[in-house]
Structure formats: C-alpha cells, structure tokens
PDB file of N, CA and C in Angstrom:
ATOM      1  N   MET A   1     -31.297  16.855 103.018  1.00  0.00           N
ATOM      2  CA  MET A   1     -32.173  17.183 103.819  1.00  0.00           C
ATOM      3  C   MET A   1     -31.821  17.534 104.969  1.00  0.00           C
ATOM      4  N   THR A   2     -31.935  18.991 105.447  1.00  0.00           N
ATOM      5  CA  THR A   2     -31.763  19.385 107.185  1.00  0.00           C
ATOM      6  C   THR A   2     -31.837  19.089 108.150  1.00  0.00           C
ATOM      7  N   ASP A   3     -31.388  19.024 108.679  1.00  0.00           N
ATOM      8  CA  ASP A   3     -31.987  18.552 110.194  1.00  0.00           C
ATOM      9  C   ASP A   3     -31.858  19.741 110.950  1.00  0.00           C
ATOM     10  N   CYS A   4     -33.093  19.924 111.284  1.00  0.00           N
ATOM     11  CA  CYS A   4     -33.915  21.191 112.557  1.00  0.00           C
ATOM     12  C   CYS A   4     -34.762  20.710 113.799  1.00  0.00           C
ATOM     13  N   THR A   5     -34.111  21.500 115.171  1.00  0.00           N
ATOM     14  CA  THR A   5     -34.885  20.996 116.357  1.00  0.00           C
ATOM     15  C   THR A   5     -35.187  22.470 116.059  1.00  0.00           C
ATOM     16  N   THR A   6     -36.644  21.871 117.001  1.00  0.00           N
ATOM     17  CA  THR A   6     -37.786  23.423 117.663  1.00  0.00           C
ATOM     18  C   THR A   6     -37.251  23.562 119.014  1.00  0.00           C
ATOM     19  N   PHE A   7     -37.316  24.164 119.462  1.00  0.00           N
ATOM     20  CA  PHE A   7     -37.247  24.330 121.248  1.00  0.00           C
ATOM     21  C   PHE A   7     -38.515  25.147 121.636  1.00  0.00           C
ATOM     22  N   VAL A   8     -38.988  25.822 122.614  1.00  0.00           N
ATOM     23  CA  VAL A   8     -39.849  26.301 122.732  1.00  0.00           C
ATOM     24  C   VAL A   8     -39.460  27.183 124.230  1.00  0.00           C
ATOM     25  N   GLY A   9     -38.796  28.655 124.402  1.00  0.00           N
ATOM     26  CA  GLY A   9     -37.555  28.712 126.258  1.00  0.00           C
ATOM     27  C   GLY A   9     -39.064  28.911 126.752  1.00  0.00           C
ATOM     28  N   PHE A  10     -37.967  29.488 127.963  1.00  0.00           N
ATOM     29  CA  PHE A  10     -39.287  30.285 130.030  1.00  0.00           C
ATOM     30  C   PHE A  10     -40.251  31.483 128.380  1.00  0.00           C
ATOM     31  N   ASP A  11     -39.675  32.108 127.706  1.00  0.00           N
ATOM     32  CA  ASP A  11     -40.421  33.319 127.875  1.00  0.00           C
ATOM     33  C   ASP A  11     -41.232  33.511 125.736  1.00  0.00           C
ATOM     34  N   GLN A  12     -41.383  32.148 126.124  1.00  0.00           N
ATOM     35  CA  GLN A  12     -42.719  31.867 124.801  1.00  0.00           C
ATOM     36  C   GLN A  12     -41.639  31.936 123.607  1.00  0.00           C
ATOM     37  N   SER A  13     -39.977  32.536 123.384  1.00  0.00           N
ATOM     38  CA  SER A  13     -39.363  32.490 121.978  1.00  0.00           C
ATOM     39  C   SER A  13     -39.343  30.900 121.422  1.00  0.00           C
ATOM     40  N   VAL A  14     -38.497  31.083 120.259  1.00  0.00           N
ATOM     41  CA  VAL A  14     -38.794  29.721 120.011  1.00  0.00           C
ATOM     42  C   VAL A  14     -37.325  29.753 118.934  1.00  0.00           C
ATOM     43  N   THR A  15     -36.275  27.922 119.719  1.00  0.00           N
ATOM     44  CA  THR A  15     -34.492  28.878 119.164  1.00  0.00           C
ATOM     45  C   THR A  15     -35.158  27.220 118.284  1.00  0.00           C
ATOM     46  N   PHE A  16     -34.457  27.925 116.565  1.00  0.00           N
ATOM     47  CA  PHE A  16     -34.082  26.182 115.818  1.00  0.00           C
ATOM     48  C   PHE A  16     -32.992  26.118 115.421  1.00  0.00           C
ATOM     49  N   ILE A  17     -32.716  25.317 115.628  1.00  0.00           N
ATOM     50  CA  ILE A  17     -31.020  24.227 116.070  1.00  0.00           C
ATOM     51  C   ILE A  17     -30.690  23.654 114.627  1.00  0.00           C
ATOM     52  N   VAL A  18     -30.432  24.725 113.114  1.00  0.00           N
ATOM     53  CA  VAL A  18     -30.514  24.033 112.150  1.00  0.00           C
ATOM     54  C   VAL A  18     -28.682  23.522 111.270  1.00  0.00           C
ATOM     55  N   ASP A  19     -27.927  22.363 111.631  1.00  0.00           N
ATOM     56  CA  ASP A  19     -26.751  21.938 111.284  1.00  0.00           C
ATOM     57  C   ASP A  19     -25.906  23.104 111.909  1.00  0.00           C
ATOM     58  N   ASP A  20     -25.997  22.727 113.522  1.00  0.00           N
ATOM     59  CA  ASP A  20     -25.595  23.518 114.188  1.00  0.00           C
ATOM     60  C   ASP A  20     -25.539  24.888 114.351  1.00  0.00           C
ATOM     61  N   GLN A  21     -26.147  25.633 114.055  1.00  0.00           N
ATOM     62  CA  GLN A  21     -26.684  27.109 113.916  1.00  0.00           C
ATOM     63  C   GLN A  21     -27.751  27.118 115.123  1.00  0.00           C
ATOM     64  N   SER A  22     -27.213  28.097 115.614  1.00  0.00           N
ATOM     65  CA  SER A  22     -28.582  28.383 116.439  1.00  0.00           C
ATOM     66  C   SER A  22     -29.718  29.672 116.666  1.00  0.00           C
ATOM     67  N   VAL A  23     -30.390  29.719 115.281  1.00  0.00           N
ATOM     68  CA  VAL A  23     -31.384  31.262 115.486  1.00  0.00           C
ATOM     69  C   VAL A  23     -32.767  31.274 116.470  1.00  0.00           C
ATOM     70  N   SER A  24     -32.408  31.854 117.418  1.00  0.00           N
ATOM     71  CA  SER A  24     -33.562  32.364 118.031  1.00  0.00           C
ATOM     72  C   SER A  24     -35.110  33.468 116.814  1.00  0.00           C
ATOM     73  N   VAL A  25     -36.505  33.020 117.674  1.00  0.00           N
ATOM     74  CA  VAL A  25     -36.930  33.774 117.249  1.00  0.00           C
ATOM     75  C   VAL A  25     -37.957  34.760 117.981  1.00  0.00           C
ATOM     76  N   GLY A  26     -37.755  36.254 118.300  1.00  0.00           N
ATOM     77  CA  GLY A  26     -38.227  36.181 120.104  1.00  0.00           C
ATOM     78  C   GLY A  26     -39.992  37.388 119.543  1.00  0.00           C
ATOM     79  N   PHE A  27     -40.519  37.039 120.174  1.00  0.00           N
ATOM     80  CA  PHE A  27     -41.881  37.844 120.461  1.00  0.00           C
ATOM     81  C   PHE A  27     -41.989  39.486 121.128  1.00  0.00           C
ATOM     82  N   PRO A  28     -42.370  40.626 120.060  1.00  0.00           N
ATOM     83  CA  PRO A  28     -42.232  41.703 120.264  1.00  0.00           C
ATOM     84  C   PRO A  28     -42.897  41.944 121.834  1.00  0.00           C
ATOM     85  N   GLN A  29     -42.649  42.363 123.072  1.00  0.00           N
ATOM     86  CA  GLN A  29     -43.763  42.980 123.939  1.00  0.00           C
ATOM     87  C   GLN A  29     -44.548  44.118 124.391  1.00  0.00           C
ATOM     88  N   PRO A  30     -45.435  43.635 125.225  1.00  0.00           N
ATOM     89  CA  PRO A  30     -46.340  44.840 125.180  1.00  0.00           C
ATOM     90  C   PRO A  30     -45.549  45.991 125.482  1.00  0.00           C
ATOM     91  N   VAL A  31     -45.957  46.984 125.218  1.00  0.00           N
ATOM     92  CA  VAL A  31     -45.362  48.662 125.305  1.00  0.00           C
ATOM     93  C   VAL A  31     -45.977  48.315 127.049  1.00  0.00           C
ATOM     94  N   GLY A  32     -44.765  49.126 127.768  1.00  0.00           N
ATOM     95  CA  GLY A  32     -44.953  49.353 129.583  1.00  0.00           C
ATOM     96  C   GLY A  32     -43.719  47.923 130.218  1.00  0.00           C
ATOM     97  N   GLU A  33     -44.433  46.406 128.990  1.00  0.00           N
ATOM     98  CA  GLU A  33     -43.772  45.996 129.680  1.00  0.00           C
ATOM     99  C   GLU A  33     -41.913  45.631 129.384  1.00  0.00           C
ATOM    100  N   VAL A  34     -41.757  44.819 130.341  1.00  0.00           N
ATOM    101  CA  VAL A  34     -40.140  44.904 130.891  1.00  0.00           C
ATOM    102  C   VAL A  34     -39.739  43.075 130.272  1.00  0.00           C
ATOM    103  N   ALA A  35     -39.352  43.457 129.026  1.00  0.00           N
ATOM    104  CA  ALA A  35     -38.557  42.475 128.680  1.00  0.00           C
ATOM    105  C   ALA A  35     -37.508  41.637 129.224  1.00  0.00           C
ATOM    106  N   TRP A  36     -37.874  40.406 128.981  1.00  0.00           N
ATOM    107  CA  TRP A  36     -36.504  39.588 128.899  1.00  0.00           C
ATOM    108  C   TRP A  36     -35.001  38.918 128.633  1.00  0.00           C
ATOM    109  N   THR A  37     -34.142  38.897 129.461  1.00  0.00           N
ATOM    110  CA  THR A  37     -33.329  38.365 129.563  1.00  0.00           C
ATOM    111  C   THR A  37     -32.599  36.907 129.667  1.00  0.00           C
ATOM    112  N   LYS A  38     -31.871  36.918 129.283  1.00  0.00           N
ATOM    113  CA  LYS A  38     -31.435  35.094 128.740  1.00  0.00           C
ATOM    114  C   LYS A  38     -30.009  35.562 129.184  1.00  0.00           C
ATOM    115  N   ASP A  39     -29.611  34.856 129.811  1.00  0.00           N
ATOM    116  CA  ASP A  39     -27.918  34.497 129.251  1.00  0.00           C
ATOM    117  C   ASP A  39     -27.695  32.683 129.942  1.00  0.00           C
ATOM    118  N   GLU A  40     -26.411  32.239 128.910  1.00  0.00           N
ATOM    119  CA  GLU A  40     -26.598  31.243 129.440  1.00  0.00           C
ATOM    120  C   GLU A  40     -24.918  31.367 129.896  1.00  0.00           C
ATOM    121  N   PHE A  41     -24.654  29.689 131.039  1.00  0.00           N
ATOM    122  CA  PHE A  41     -23.147  29.314 130.975  1.00  0.00           C
ATOM    123  C   PHE A  41     -23.209  28.707 131.574  1.00  0.00           C
ATOM    124  N   ILE A  42     -21.612  27.840 130.156  1.00  0.00           N
ATOM    125  CA  ILE A  42     -21.243  26.719 131.155  1.00  0.00           C
ATOM    126  C   ILE A  42     -20.199  26.623 131.612  1.00  0.00           C
ATOM    127  N   PRO A  43     -19.571  25.976 132.673  1.00  0.00           N
ATOM    128  CA  PRO A  43     -19.517  26.194 133.880  1.00  0.00           C
ATOM    129  C   PRO A  43     -18.182  25.528 134.186  1.00  0.00           C
ATOM    130  N   THR A  44     -17.064  26.211 134.619  1.00  0.00           N
ATOM    131  CA  THR A  44     -15.969  24.936 134.726  1.00  0.00           C
ATOM    132  C   THR A  44     -16.398  24.204 136.033  1.00  0.00           C
ATOM    133  N   THR A  45     -15.393  22.972 136.091  1.00  0.00           N
ATOM    134  CA  THR A  45     -16.120  21.844 136.976  1.00  0.00           C
ATOM    135  C   THR A  45     -15.703  23.291 138.314  1.00  0.00           C
ATOM    136  N   GLY A  46     -16.541  22.305 138.820  1.00  0.00           N
ATOM    137  CA  GLY A  46     -16.804  22.981 140.217  1.00  0.00           C
ATOM    138  C   GLY A  46     -17.434  24.951 140.998  1.00  0.00           C
ATOM    139  N   GLN A  47     -17.663  25.143 139.734  1.00  0.00           N
ATOM    140  CA  GLN A  47     -17.310  26.737 139.524  1.00  0.00           C
ATOM    141  C   GLN A  47     -19.310  27.230 140.179  1.00  0.00           C
ATOM    142  N   VAL A  48     -19.123  27.254 141.454  1.00  0.00           N
ATOM    143  CA  VAL A  48     -20.283  28.591 141.962  1.00  0.00           C
ATOM    144  C   VAL A  48     -21.031  29.860 141.907  1.00  0.00           C
ATOM    145  N   THR A  49     -19.755  30.644 141.124  1.00  0.00           N
ATOM    146  CA  THR A  49     -20.752  32.341 140.837  1.00  0.00           C
ATOM    147  C   THR A  49     -20.483  32.322 139.675  1.00  0.00           C
ATOM    148  N   PHE A  50     -21.296  33.099 139.053  1.00  0.00           N
ATOM    149  CA  PHE A  50     -21.886  33.809 137.870  1.00  0.00           C
ATOM    150  C   PHE A  50     -22.439  34.620 137.832  1.00  0.00           C
ATOM    151  N   VAL A  51     -22.292  35.432 136.554  1.00  0.00           N
ATOM    152  CA  VAL A  51     -22.483  37.291 136.813  1.00  0.00           C
ATOM    153  C   VAL A  51     -23.120  36.992 135.405  1.00  0.00           C
ATOM    154  N   LEU A  52     -24.206  37.866 135.333  1.00  0.00           N
ATOM    155  CA  LEU A  52     -25.317  37.869 134.975  1.00  0.00           C
ATOM    156  C   LEU A  52     -24.702  39.200 133.528  1.00  0.00           C
ATOM    157  N   SER A  53     -25.842  39.486 132.523  1.00  0.00           N
ATOM    158  CA  SER A  53     -25.737  40.538 131.871  1.00  0.00           C
ATOM    159  C   SER A  53     -26.341  41.341 132.561  1.00  0.00           C
ATOM    160  N   GLN A  54     -27.302  41.446 132.799  1.00  0.00           N
ATOM    161  CA  GLN A  54     -27.778  42.682 133.570  1.00  0.00           C
ATOM    162  C   GLN A  54     -27.968  42.148 135.089  1.00  0.00           C
ATOM    163  N   THR A  55     -28.519  43.201 136.000  1.00  0.00           N
ATOM    164  CA  THR A  55     -29.300  43.112 137.358  1.00  0.00           C
ATOM    165  C   THR A  55     -30.615  42.731 136.805  1.00  0.00           C
ATOM    166  N   PRO A  56     -31.118  42.083 137.862  1.00  0.00           N
ATOM    167  CA  PRO A  56     -32.698  41.574 136.723  1.00  0.00           C
ATOM    168  C   PRO A  56     -33.601  42.857 137.830  1.00  0.00           C
ATOM    169  N   PHE A  57     -34.314  43.009 136.656  1.00  0.00           N
ATOM    170  CA  PHE A  57     -35.433  44.365 137.647  1.00  0.00           C
ATOM    171  C   PHE A  57     -36.362  43.767 138.463  1.00  0.00           C
ATOM    172  N   ASP A  58     -37.058  42.247 138.393  1.00  0.00           N
ATOM    173  CA  ASP A  58     -37.520  41.476 139.094  1.00  0.00           C
ATOM    174  C   ASP A  58     -37.640  40.763 139.413  1.00  0.00           C
ATOM    175  N   LEU A  59     -36.641  40.237 140.408  1.00  0.00           N
ATOM    176  CA  LEU A  59     -35.711  39.322 141.372  1.00  0.00           C
ATOM    177  C   LEU A  59     -37.029  37.972 141.044  1.00  0.00           C
ATOM    178  N   ALA A  60     -38.003  38.387 141.429  1.00  0.00           N
ATOM    179  CA  ALA A  60     -39.310  36.728 141.455  1.00  0.00           C
ATOM    180  C   ALA A  60     -38.563  36.605 140.056  1.00  0.00           C
ATOM    181  N   SER A  61     -39.038  37.532 138.912  1.00  0.00           N
ATOM    182  CA  SER A  61     -38.973  37.004 137.774  1.00  0.00           C
ATOM    183  C   SER A  61     -37.829  35.929 137.667  1.00  0.00           C
ATOM    184  N   LEU A  62     -36.800  35.673 137.996  1.00  0.00           N
ATOM    185  CA  LEU A  62     -36.136  34.555 137.680  1.00  0.00           C
ATOM    186  C   LEU A  62     -35.786  33.260 137.223  1.00  0.00           C
ATOM    187  N   GLU A  63     -36.020  32.317 136.487  1.00  0.00           N
ATOM    188  CA  GLU A  63     -35.900  31.133 136.576  1.00  0.00           C
ATOM    189  C   GLU A  63     -35.039  30.221 136.108  1.00  0.00           C
ATOM    190  N   LEU A  64     -34.464  29.968 136.973  1.00  0.00           N
ATOM    191  CA  LEU A  64     -32.402  29.194 136.752  1.00  0.00           C
ATOM    192  C   LEU A  64     -32.363  27.720 136.282  1.00  0.00           C
ATOM    193  N   ALA A  65     -32.239  27.203 135.194  1.00  0.00           N
ATOM    194  CA  ALA A  65     -32.382  25.940 134.815  1.00  0.00           C
ATOM    195  C   ALA A  65     -30.585  25.470 134.358  1.00  0.00           C
ATOM    196  N   VAL A  66     -30.437  23.877 134.738  1.00  0.00           N
ATOM    197  CA  VAL A  66     -29.204  23.428 134.539  1.00  0.00           C
ATOM    198  C   VAL A  66     -29.402  21.667 134.044  1.00  0.00           C
ATOM    199  N   ASN A  67     -28.841  21.880 132.121  1.00  0.00           N
ATOM    200  CA  ASN A  67     -29.280  20.620 131.694  1.00  0.00           C
ATOM    201  C   ASN A  67     -30.730  20.922 131.760  1.00  0.00           C
ATOM    202  N   GLY A  68     -31.665  21.927 131.186  1.00  0.00           N
ATOM    203  CA  GLY A  68     -33.456  21.056 131.275  1.00  0.00           C
ATOM    204  C   GLY A  68     -33.585  20.947 133.323  1.00  0.00           C
ATOM    205  N   VAL A  69     -33.394  21.358 133.849  1.00  0.00           N
ATOM    206  CA  VAL A  69     -33.571  21.108 135.512  1.00  0.00           C
ATOM    207  C   VAL A  69     -34.261  22.620 136.409  1.00  0.00           C
ATOM    208  N   GLU A  70     -35.387  23.042 136.457  1.00  0.00           N
ATOM    209  CA  GLU A  70     -35.009  24.729 137.597  1.00  0.00           C
ATOM    210  C   GLU A  70     -34.932  23.740 138.436  1.00  0.00           C
ATOM    211  N   TYR A  71     -33.642  25.042 138.802  1.00  0.00           N
ATOM    212  CA  TYR A  71     -33.720  25.113 140.933  1.00  0.00           C
ATOM    213  C   TYR A  71     -34.183  26.276 141.301  1.00  0.00           C
ATOM    214  N   ASP A  72     -34.485  25.951 142.156  1.00  0.00           N
ATOM    215  CA  ASP A  72     -35.078  27.101 143.182  1.00  0.00           C
ATOM    216  C   ASP A  72     -33.516  28.112 143.939  1.00  0.00           C
ATOM    217  N   ASP A  73     -34.612  30.119 144.259  1.00  0.00           N
ATOM    218  CA  ASP A  73     -33.974  30.485 144.945  1.00  0.00           C
ATOM    219  C   ASP A  73     -34.041  30.406 146.297  1.00  0.00           C
ATOM    220  N   GLY A  74     -32.810  30.704 146.811  1.00  0.00           N
ATOM    221  CA  GLY A  74     -32.227  30.252 148.299  1.00  0.00           C
ATOM    222  C   GLY A  74     -32.092  28.695 148.940  1.00  0.00           C
ATOM    223  N   VAL A  75     -32.434  28.131 148.104  1.00  0.00           N
ATOM    224  CA  VAL A  75     -32.440  26.081 148.296  1.00  0.00           C
ATOM    225  C   VAL A  75     -31.476  25.538 147.449  1.00  0.00           C
ATOM    226  N   ASP A  76     -31.265  26.249 145.848  1.00  0.00           N
ATOM    227  CA  ASP A  76     -30.146  25.863 144.940  1.00  0.00           C
ATOM    228  C   ASP A  76     -29.522  27.326 144.674  1.00  0.00           C
ATOM    229  N   TYR A  77     -29.709  28.289 144.696  1.00  0.00           N
ATOM    230  CA  TYR A  77     -29.043  29.380 144.317  1.00  0.00           C
ATOM    231  C   TYR A  77     -29.399  30.552 145.217  1.00  0.00           C
ATOM    232  N   THR A  78     -28.413  31.357 145.315  1.00  0.00           N
ATOM    233  CA  THR A  78     -28.733  33.043 145.634  1.00  0.00           C
ATOM    234  C   THR A  78     -28.613  33.906 144.921  1.00  0.00           C
ATOM    235  N   ILE A  79     -29.359  35.017 144.813  1.00  0.00           N
ATOM    236  CA  ILE A  79     -28.705  36.396 143.581  1.00  0.00           C
ATOM    237  C   ILE A  79     -28.344  37.306 144.717  1.00  0.00           C
ATOM    238  N   SER A  80     -26.921  38.228 144.796  1.00  0.00           N
ATOM    239  CA  SER A  80     -26.894  39.070 145.365  1.00  0.00           C
ATOM    240  C   SER A  80     -26.930  40.590 144.284  1.00  0.00           C
ATOM    241  N   GLY A  81     -27.701  41.195 143.738  1.00  0.00           N
ATOM    242  CA  GLY A  81     -27.566  41.828 142.069  1.00  0.00           C
ATOM    243  C   GLY A  81     -27.494  41.201 141.602  1.00  0.00           C
ATOM    244  N   ALA A  82     -26.688  41.078 140.432  1.00  0.00           N
ATOM    245  CA  ALA A  82     -26.035  40.463 139.639  1.00  0.00           C
ATOM    246  C   ALA A  82     -25.415  39.226 139.449  1.00  0.00           C
ATOM    247  N   THR A  83     -25.316  39.302 141.137  1.00  0.00           N
ATOM    248  CA  THR A  83     -24.281  38.008 140.953  1.00  0.00           C
ATOM    249  C   THR A  83     -25.396  36.014 141.203  1.00  0.00           C
ATOM    250  N   ILE A  84     -25.283  35.473 141.180  1.00  0.00           N
ATOM    251  CA  ILE A  84     -25.224  33.963 141.167  1.00  0.00           C
ATOM    252  C   ILE A  84     -24.957  32.891 142.391  1.00  0.00           C
ATOM    253  N   THR A  85     -24.649  32.726 143.236  1.00  0.00           N
ATOM    254  CA  THR A  85     -23.717  31.821 144.021  1.00  0.00           C
ATOM    255  C   THR A  85     -24.725  30.381 144.064  1.00  0.00           C
ATOM    256  N   TRP A  86     -24.361  29.459 143.373  1.00  0.00           N
ATOM    257  CA  TRP A  86     -24.518  28.303 143.530  1.00  0.00           C
ATOM    258  C   TRP A  86     -24.775  27.362 144.781  1.00  0.00           C
ATOM    259  N   LEU A  87     -25.935  27.042 145.444  1.00  0.00           N
ATOM    260  CA  LEU A  87     -25.113  26.882 146.521  1.00  0.00           C
ATOM    261  C   LEU A  87     -25.986  25.088 146.441  1.00  0.00           C
ATOM    262  N   ASP A  88     -26.444  24.888 145.804  1.00  0.00           N
ATOM    263  CA  ASP A  88     -27.118  23.240 145.356  1.00  0.00           C
ATOM    264  C   ASP A  88     -25.792  22.175 145.650  1.00  0.00           C
ATOM    265  N   PRO A  89     -25.810  20.909 146.136  1.00  0.00           N
ATOM    266  CA  PRO A  89     -24.667  19.953 146.198  1.00  0.00           C
ATOM    267  C   PRO A  89     -24.344  19.142 144.905  1.00  0.00           C
ATOM    268  N   PHE A  90     -24.873  19.105 144.107  1.00  0.00           N
ATOM    269  CA  PHE A  90     -24.853  18.910 143.020  1.00  0.00           C
ATOM    270  C   PHE A  90     -24.304  20.159 142.003  1.00  0.00           C
ATOM    271  N   THR A  91     -22.724  19.488 141.908  1.00  0.00           N
ATOM    272  CA  THR A  91     -20.888  19.729 141.219  1.00  0.00           C
ATOM    273  C   THR A  91     -21.136  20.002 140.266  1.00  0.00           C
ATOM    274  N   LEU A  92     -21.642  21.467 139.449  1.00  0.00           N
ATOM    275  CA  LEU A  92     -21.137  21.856 138.920  1.00  0.00           C
ATOM    276  C   LEU A  92     -20.099  20.907 137.273  1.00  0.00           C
ATOM    277  N   LYS A  93     -20.331  20.788 136.451  1.00  0.00           N
ATOM    278  CA  LYS A  93     -19.291  19.956 135.500  1.00  0.00           C
ATOM    279  C   LYS A  93     -19.042  21.208 134.553  1.00  0.00           C
ATOM    280  N   THR A  94     -17.794  20.970 133.119  1.00  0.00           N
ATOM    281  CA  THR A  94     -18.313  21.819 132.480  1.00  0.00           C
ATOM    282  C   THR A  94     -18.468  21.568 131.340  1.00  0.00           C
ATOM    283  N   LYS A  95     -19.792  20.077 131.208  1.00  0.00           N
ATOM    284  CA  LYS A  95     -20.731  19.570 130.350  1.00  0.00           C
ATOM    285  C   LYS A  95     -21.844  19.911 130.476  1.00  0.00           C
ATOM    286  N   ASP A  96     -22.160  20.972 131.836  1.00  0.00           N
ATOM    287  CA  ASP A  96     -23.420  20.908 132.275  1.00  0.00           C
ATOM    288  C   ASP A  96     -24.032  23.080 131.988  1.00  0.00           C
ATOM    289  N   LYS A  97     -25.965  22.533 131.399  1.00  0.00           N
ATOM    290  CA  LYS A  97     -25.556  24.154 130.778  1.00  0.00           C
ATOM    291  C   LYS A  97     -26.816  25.252 131.704  1.00  0.00           C
ATOM    292  N   MET A  98     -25.870  25.392 132.166  1.00  0.00           N
ATOM    293  CA  MET A  98     -26.901  27.249 132.600  1.00  0.00           C
ATOM    294  C   MET A  98     -27.807  27.823 132.064  1.00  0.00           C
ATOM    295  N   ILE A  99     -28.947  28.043 132.186  1.00  0.00           N
ATOM    296  CA  ILE A  99     -30.024  28.901 131.448  1.00  0.00           C
ATOM    297  C   ILE A  99     -30.743  29.522 132.410  1.00  0.00           C
ATOM    298  N   VAL A 100     -29.846  31.397 132.904  1.00  0.00           N
ATOM    299  CA  VAL A 100     -31.050  31.780 134.077  1.00  0.00           C
ATOM    300  C   VAL A 100     -32.099  33.147 132.191  1.00  0.00           C
ATOM    301  N   GLN A 101     -33.098  33.257 132.925  1.00  0.00           N
ATOM    302  CA  GLN A 101     -33.680  34.437 132.286  1.00  0.00           C
ATOM    303  C   GLN A 101     -35.194  35.193 133.257  1.00  0.00           C
ATOM    304  N   TYR A 102     -35.270  36.409 132.762  1.00  0.00           N
ATOM    305  CA  TYR A 102     -35.451  36.734 134.239  1.00  0.00           C
ATOM    306  C   TYR A 102     -35.468  38.564 133.410  1.00  0.00           C
ATOM    307  N   LYS A 103     -36.755  39.487 134.137  1.00  0.00           N
ATOM    308  CA  LYS A 103     -36.831  40.569 133.610  1.00  0.00           C
ATOM    309  C   LYS A 103     -36.304  41.558 134.245  1.00  0.00           C
TER     310      LYS A 103
END
C-alpha cells in the first residue's frame, strides 16, 4: 500500500505527497482574476533576503509562512519589489521551509 499525505494550500490548491513525490492540483481562476503565485525557499542559516519569482501584483495578498507559521509584513519581514527581507529575531536555518504566496 502507498502512503499519501494531503495538504490544502493558502489558495485552496491541494498537494498530494505519495512516496516522497509531490503533486499539486490547482483550481481554475475566474476570468479577470489574478492567479496566485507560490514560491518556496529553504534558507541557508542566517539568510535574510529572498527574491520572489515575480513581483507581486497585490502586496496586500502576500502571505508568508515559515514551517507553517504565518508572519506579518512590516513586523517580521519587509517587501520591496520582488525582494523580501526577513526582520524577525528568529534566525532562519537550513531545516526551515519558507512558503510565500501572492497575487
């Protein structure tokens, strides 16, 4: 029997992990709706800057989580263009996983 883990993302996409392989299933966006973009980072210890794959269209839509815990813009990080700067006193390490989703 195959093990399967299911996660529901910020944008209600579903990710299935089967035998260490990840498959994401998204849902179509309504016409005129800006699609969500998801970037994942595994930082080096002490890394504080991260460059997104795109510049967010709507900065208010940006959601940033590290190891499943959401953090706040202006308190824990800042964003300028496509660059995120980590401000939180929690030092990021190589075992951490940062997920950033935005429109």
